[in-house]
Amino acid sequence: MTLREATWWDAWRIWRWRNDPSGRAMMRNTGRVGPIEHILWFREMLSNDDRVQYVALYAGRAVGTGRLDRYYDVSPGVEIDIVIAPTSRGRGHGGRLIRELTRRAFDLPCVRYVVAVIRKDNAASICAFTSAGFQHHDEMNRFSVRYVQMRYTP
């Protein structure tokens, strides 16, 4: 798997993947995102120095997207977020994408850990992060939905 930084050319592909009903059911925001809302978000994301969006390629084909969001609390960390294309799910791409994003996260200055916030009922994602070396760190409740925070520390 290779990653390349997302560009404006990827906006509609990522929008379609993000709005897929089965994937959307596992996201923090389960509502459908309209095209204008997505373009506004995408523009802000591309200009934000604390965010990097990637497109994952496998055998030359786009199979998903992943984002690294830097944030700063007691020690600097990165949050990882992934979406696998509907036609590419169930083929191990999630785990490969997580491992590559995690490797890239530690290439950033001063990063001490990587976290992922996952719906507790998203067994496939929890399994993929666990297989990539992430460990259960915390649980939280947001708007009546249970989430698991998984953490990777080298």
C-alpha atoms as a PDB file:
ATOM      1  CA  MET A   1       0.000   0.000   0.000  1.00  0.00           C
ATOM      2  CA  THR A   2       1.173   3.483  -0.791  1.00  0.00           C
ATOM      3  CA  LEU A   3      -0.196   6.803   0.391  1.00  0.00           C
ATOM      4  CA  ARG A   4      -0.288  10.144  -1.329  1.00  0.00           C
ATOM      5  CA  GLU A   5      -1.550  13.411   0.044  1.00  0.00           C
ATOM      6  CA  ALA A   6      -5.118  14.214  -0.947  1.00  0.00           C
ATOM      7  CA  THR A   7      -5.738  17.013  -3.429  1.00  0.00           C
ATOM      8  CA  TRP A   8      -8.800  18.832  -4.734  1.00  0.00           C
ATOM      9  CA  TRP A   9      -9.083  16.059  -7.325  1.00  0.00           C
ATOM     10  CA  ASP A  10      -9.964  13.660  -4.490  1.00  0.00           C
ATOM     11  CA  ALA A  11     -12.773  15.714  -2.958  1.00  0.00           C
ATOM     12  CA  TRP A  12     -15.674  13.962  -4.693  1.00  0.00           C
ATOM     13  CA  ARG A  13     -14.229  10.463  -4.273  1.00  0.00           C
ATOM     14  CA  ILE A  14     -13.791  11.010  -0.534  1.00  0.00           C
ATOM     15  CA  TRP A  15     -17.290  12.545  -0.338  1.00  0.00           C
ATOM     16  CA  ARG A  16     -18.800   9.431  -1.953  1.00  0.00           C
ATOM     17  CA  TRP A  17     -16.891   7.103   0.364  1.00  0.00           C
ATOM     18  CA  ARG A  18     -17.829   9.172   3.411  1.00  0.00           C
ATOM     19  CA  ASN A  19     -21.527   9.079   2.481  1.00  0.00           C
ATOM     20  CA  ASP A  20     -21.728   5.324   1.906  1.00  0.00           C
ATOM     21  CA  PRO A  21     -24.543   4.195   4.275  1.00  0.00           C
ATOM     22  CA  SER A  22     -22.750   1.186   5.782  1.00  0.00           C
ATOM     23  CA  GLY A  23     -19.599   3.169   6.507  1.00  0.00           C
ATOM     24  CA  ARG A  24     -21.531   6.219   7.668  1.00  0.00           C
ATOM     25  CA  ALA A  25     -23.275   4.076  10.299  1.00  0.00           C
ATOM     26  CA  MET A  26     -19.899   3.642  12.034  1.00  0.00           C
ATOM     27  CA  MET A  27     -18.843   7.314  11.995  1.00  0.00           C
ATOM     28  CA  ARG A  28     -19.152   9.898  14.745  1.00  0.00           C
ATOM     29  CA  ASN A  29     -21.397  11.956  12.481  1.00  0.00           C
ATOM     30  CA  THR A  30     -23.743   9.376  10.961  1.00  0.00           C
ATOM     31  CA  GLY A  31     -25.717  11.926   8.959  1.00  0.00           C
ATOM     32  CA  ARG A  32     -25.317  12.345   5.234  1.00  0.00           C
ATOM     33  CA  VAL A  33     -22.974  15.199   4.343  1.00  0.00           C
ATOM     34  CA  GLY A  34     -24.109  17.428   1.491  1.00  0.00           C
ATOM     35  CA  PRO A  35     -21.738  18.421  -1.310  1.00  0.00           C
ATOM     36  CA  ILE A  36     -21.404  22.068  -0.266  1.00  0.00           C
ATOM     37  CA  GLU A  37     -20.754  21.139   3.367  1.00  0.00           C
ATOM     38  CA  HIS A  38     -18.125  18.642   2.221  1.00  0.00           C
ATOM     39  CA  ILE A  39     -16.360  21.119  -0.067  1.00  0.00           C
ATOM     40  CA  LEU A  40     -16.206  23.694   2.745  1.00  0.00           C
ATOM     41  CA  TRP A  41     -14.786  21.065   5.114  1.00  0.00           C
ATOM     42  CA  PHE A  42     -12.348  19.815   2.456  1.00  0.00           C
ATOM     43  CA  ARG A  43     -11.064  23.331   1.764  1.00  0.00           C
ATOM     44  CA  GLU A  44     -10.487  23.950   5.485  1.00  0.00           C
ATOM     45  CA  MET A  45      -8.831  20.554   5.880  1.00  0.00           C
ATOM     46  CA  LEU A  46      -6.400  21.140   2.987  1.00  0.00           C
ATOM     47  CA  SER A  47      -5.346  24.504   4.438  1.00  0.00           C
ATOM     48  CA  ASN A  48      -4.955  23.278   8.035  1.00  0.00           C
ATOM     49  CA  ASP A  49      -1.296  22.691   8.947  1.00  0.00           C
ATOM     50  CA  ASP A  50      -2.357  20.335  11.771  1.00  0.00           C
ATOM     51  CA  ARG A  51      -4.189  17.969   9.403  1.00  0.00           C
ATOM     52  CA  VAL A  52      -2.995  15.758   6.592  1.00  0.00           C
ATOM     53  CA  GLN A  53      -5.434  13.760   4.465  1.00  0.00           C
ATOM     54  CA  TYR A  54      -4.101  10.850   2.413  1.00  0.00           C
ATOM     55  CA  VAL A  55      -5.489   8.620  -0.301  1.00  0.00           C
ATOM     56  CA  ALA A  56      -4.487   4.970   0.055  1.00  0.00           C
ATOM     57  CA  LEU A  57      -3.519   3.152  -3.138  1.00  0.00           C
ATOM     58  CA  TYR A  58      -3.267  -0.614  -3.488  1.00  0.00           C
ATOM     59  CA  ALA A  59      -2.101  -2.081  -6.792  1.00  0.00           C
ATOM     60  CA  GLY A  60      -2.470   1.420  -8.235  1.00  0.00           C
ATOM     61  CA  ARG A  61      -6.144   1.718  -7.240  1.00  0.00           C
ATOM     62  CA  ALA A  62      -7.593   4.094  -4.615  1.00  0.00           C
ATOM     63  CA  VAL A  63      -8.966   1.921  -1.802  1.00  0.00           C
ATOM     64  CA  GLY A  64      -9.476   4.379   1.046  1.00  0.00           C
ATOM     65  CA  THR A  65      -8.499   7.558   2.784  1.00  0.00           C
ATOM     66  CA  GLY A  66      -6.908   8.382   6.095  1.00  0.00           C
ATOM     67  CA  ARG A  67      -6.261  11.548   8.023  1.00  0.00           C
ATOM     68  CA  LEU A  68      -3.835  12.559  10.732  1.00  0.00           C
ATOM     69  CA  ASP A  69      -5.029  15.343  13.055  1.00  0.00           C
ATOM     70  CA  ARG A  70      -2.439  16.816  15.401  1.00  0.00           C
ATOM     71  CA  TYR A  71      -3.627  18.029  18.738  1.00  0.00           C
ATOM     72  CA  TYR A  72      -1.899  19.213  21.832  1.00  0.00           C
ATOM     73  CA  ASP A  73      -2.698  18.372  25.399  1.00  0.00           C
ATOM     74  CA  VAL A  74      -0.216  17.310  28.080  1.00  0.00           C
ATOM     75  CA  SER A  75       1.900  15.574  25.435  1.00  0.00           C
ATOM     76  CA  PRO A  76       1.578  16.019  21.666  1.00  0.00           C
ATOM     77  CA  GLY A  77      -0.444  13.363  19.906  1.00  0.00           C
ATOM     78  CA  VAL A  78      -2.073  12.584  16.599  1.00  0.00           C
ATOM     79  CA  GLU A  79      -5.569  11.270  15.983  1.00  0.00           C
ATOM     80  CA  ILE A  80      -6.000   8.883  13.085  1.00  0.00           C
ATOM     81  CA  ASP A  81      -9.214   8.575  11.077  1.00  0.00           C
ATOM     82  CA  ILE A  82      -9.801   6.204   8.168  1.00  0.00           C
ATOM     83  CA  VAL A  83     -12.490   5.409   5.600  1.00  0.00           C
ATOM     84  CA  ILE A  84     -12.183   2.400   3.323  1.00  0.00           C
ATOM     85  CA  ALA A  85     -13.948   2.504  -0.054  1.00  0.00           C
ATOM     86  CA  PRO A  86     -17.096   0.356   0.011  1.00  0.00           C
ATOM     87  CA  THR A  87     -15.800  -1.921  -2.762  1.00  0.00           C
ATOM     88  CA  SER A  88     -12.487  -2.426  -0.927  1.00  0.00           C
ATOM     89  CA  ARG A  89     -13.744  -3.434   2.528  1.00  0.00           C
ATOM     90  CA  GLY A  90     -12.974  -6.827   3.998  1.00  0.00           C
ATOM     91  CA  ARG A  91      -9.624  -7.182   2.209  1.00  0.00           C
ATOM     92  CA  GLY A  92      -7.205  -6.075   4.938  1.00  0.00           C
ATOM     93  CA  HIS A  93      -6.808  -2.542   3.594  1.00  0.00           C
ATOM     94  CA  GLY A  94      -7.893  -0.991   6.897  1.00  0.00           C
ATOM     95  CA  GLY A  95      -5.035  -2.597   8.821  1.00  0.00           C
ATOM     96  CA  ARG A  96      -2.497  -1.692   6.156  1.00  0.00           C
ATOM     97  CA  LEU A  97      -3.716   1.907   6.073  1.00  0.00           C
ATOM     98  CA  ILE A  98      -3.612   2.170   9.879  1.00  0.00           C
ATOM     99  CA  ARG A  99      -0.037   0.849  10.023  1.00  0.00           C
ATOM    100  CA  GLU A 100       1.171   3.230   7.302  1.00  0.00           C
ATOM    101  CA  LEU A 101      -0.582   6.252   8.841  1.00  0.00           C
ATOM    102  CA  THR A 102       0.856   5.379  12.253  1.00  0.00           C
ATOM    103  CA  ARG A 103       4.353   5.171  10.781  1.00  0.00           C
ATOM    104  CA  ARG A 104       3.871   8.588   9.164  1.00  0.00           C
ATOM    105  CA  ALA A 105       2.498  10.060  12.382  1.00  0.00           C
ATOM    106  CA  PHE A 106       5.780   9.325  14.160  1.00  0.00           C
ATOM    107  CA  ASP A 107       7.682  11.034  11.359  1.00  0.00           C
ATOM    108  CA  LEU A 108       6.050  14.290  12.543  1.00  0.00           C
ATOM    109  CA  PRO A 109       7.981  16.332  15.110  1.00  0.00           C
ATOM    110  CA  CYS A 110       7.392  15.603  18.804  1.00  0.00           C
ATOM    111  CA  VAL A 111       4.593  13.034  18.376  1.00  0.00           C
ATOM    112  CA  ARG A 112       4.445  10.758  21.405  1.00  0.00           C
ATOM    113  CA  TYR A 113       1.293   8.733  20.679  1.00  0.00           C
ATOM    114  CA  VAL A 114      -1.438   8.074  18.137  1.00  0.00           C
ATOM    115  CA  VAL A 115      -5.093   7.669  19.088  1.00  0.00           C
ATOM    116  CA  ALA A 116      -8.213   6.488  17.337  1.00  0.00           C
ATOM    117  CA  VAL A 117     -11.756   7.092  18.572  1.00  0.00           C
ATOM    118  CA  ILE A 118     -13.999   4.264  17.382  1.00  0.00           C
ATOM    119  CA  ARG A 119     -17.659   3.447  17.906  1.00  0.00           C
ATOM    120  CA  LYS A 120     -17.802   0.576  20.373  1.00  0.00           C
ATOM    121  CA  ASP A 121     -20.075  -1.386  18.007  1.00  0.00           C
ATOM    122  CA  ASN A 122     -17.572  -1.124  15.125  1.00  0.00           C
ATOM    123  CA  ALA A 123     -15.955  -4.525  15.639  1.00  0.00           C
ATOM    124  CA  ALA A 124     -14.133  -4.519  12.276  1.00  0.00           C
ATOM    125  CA  SER A 125     -12.392  -1.220  13.019  1.00  0.00           C
ATOM    126  CA  ILE A 126     -11.497  -2.213  16.580  1.00  0.00           C
ATOM    127  CA  CYS A 127     -10.032  -5.462  15.203  1.00  0.00           C
ATOM    128  CA  ALA A 128      -8.020  -3.595  12.536  1.00  0.00           C
ATOM    129  CA  PHE A 129      -6.573  -1.149  15.064  1.00  0.00           C
ATOM    130  CA  THR A 130      -5.795  -3.952  17.524  1.00  0.00           C
ATOM    131  CA  SER A 131      -3.974  -5.909  14.815  1.00  0.00           C
ATOM    132  CA  ALA A 132      -1.950  -2.757  14.049  1.00  0.00           C
ATOM    133  CA  GLY A 133      -0.719  -2.638  17.659  1.00  0.00           C
ATOM    134  CA  PHE A 134      -3.224  -0.202  19.200  1.00  0.00           C
ATOM    135  CA  GLN A 135      -4.450  -0.877  22.727  1.00  0.00           C
ATOM    136  CA  HIS A 136      -7.695  -0.034  24.485  1.00  0.00           C
ATOM    137  CA  HIS A 137      -7.074   3.206  26.369  1.00  0.00           C
ATOM    138  CA  ASP A 138     -10.419   4.675  27.396  1.00  0.00           C
ATOM    139  CA  GLU A 139     -14.168   4.662  26.766  1.00  0.00           C
ATOM    140  CA  MET A 140     -16.478   7.612  26.421  1.00  0.00           C
ATOM    141  CA  ASN A 141     -20.086   8.419  25.749  1.00  0.00           C
ATOM    142  CA  ARG A 142     -20.964  11.121  23.215  1.00  0.00           C
ATOM    143  CA  PHE A 143     -24.576  11.863  22.415  1.00  0.00           C
ATOM    144  CA  SER A 144     -25.693   8.428  23.729  1.00  0.00           C
ATOM    145  CA  VAL A 145     -23.120   6.580  21.604  1.00  0.00           C
ATOM    146  CA  ARG A 146     -20.332   4.567  23.215  1.00  0.00           C
ATOM    147  CA  TYR A 147     -16.818   5.056  21.862  1.00  0.00           C
ATOM    148  CA  VAL A 148     -13.539   3.321  22.525  1.00  0.00           C
ATOM    149  CA  GLN A 149     -10.316   5.291  22.465  1.00  0.00           C
ATOM    150  CA  MET A 150      -7.456   3.140  21.251  1.00  0.00           C
ATOM    151  CA  ARG A 151      -3.881   4.285  21.600  1.00  0.00           C
ATOM    152  CA  TYR A 152      -0.539   3.406  20.058  1.00  0.00           C
ATOM    153  CA  THR A 153       2.635   4.357  21.892  1.00  0.00           C
ATOM    154  CA  PRO A 154       5.980   3.045  20.626  1.00  0.00           C
END
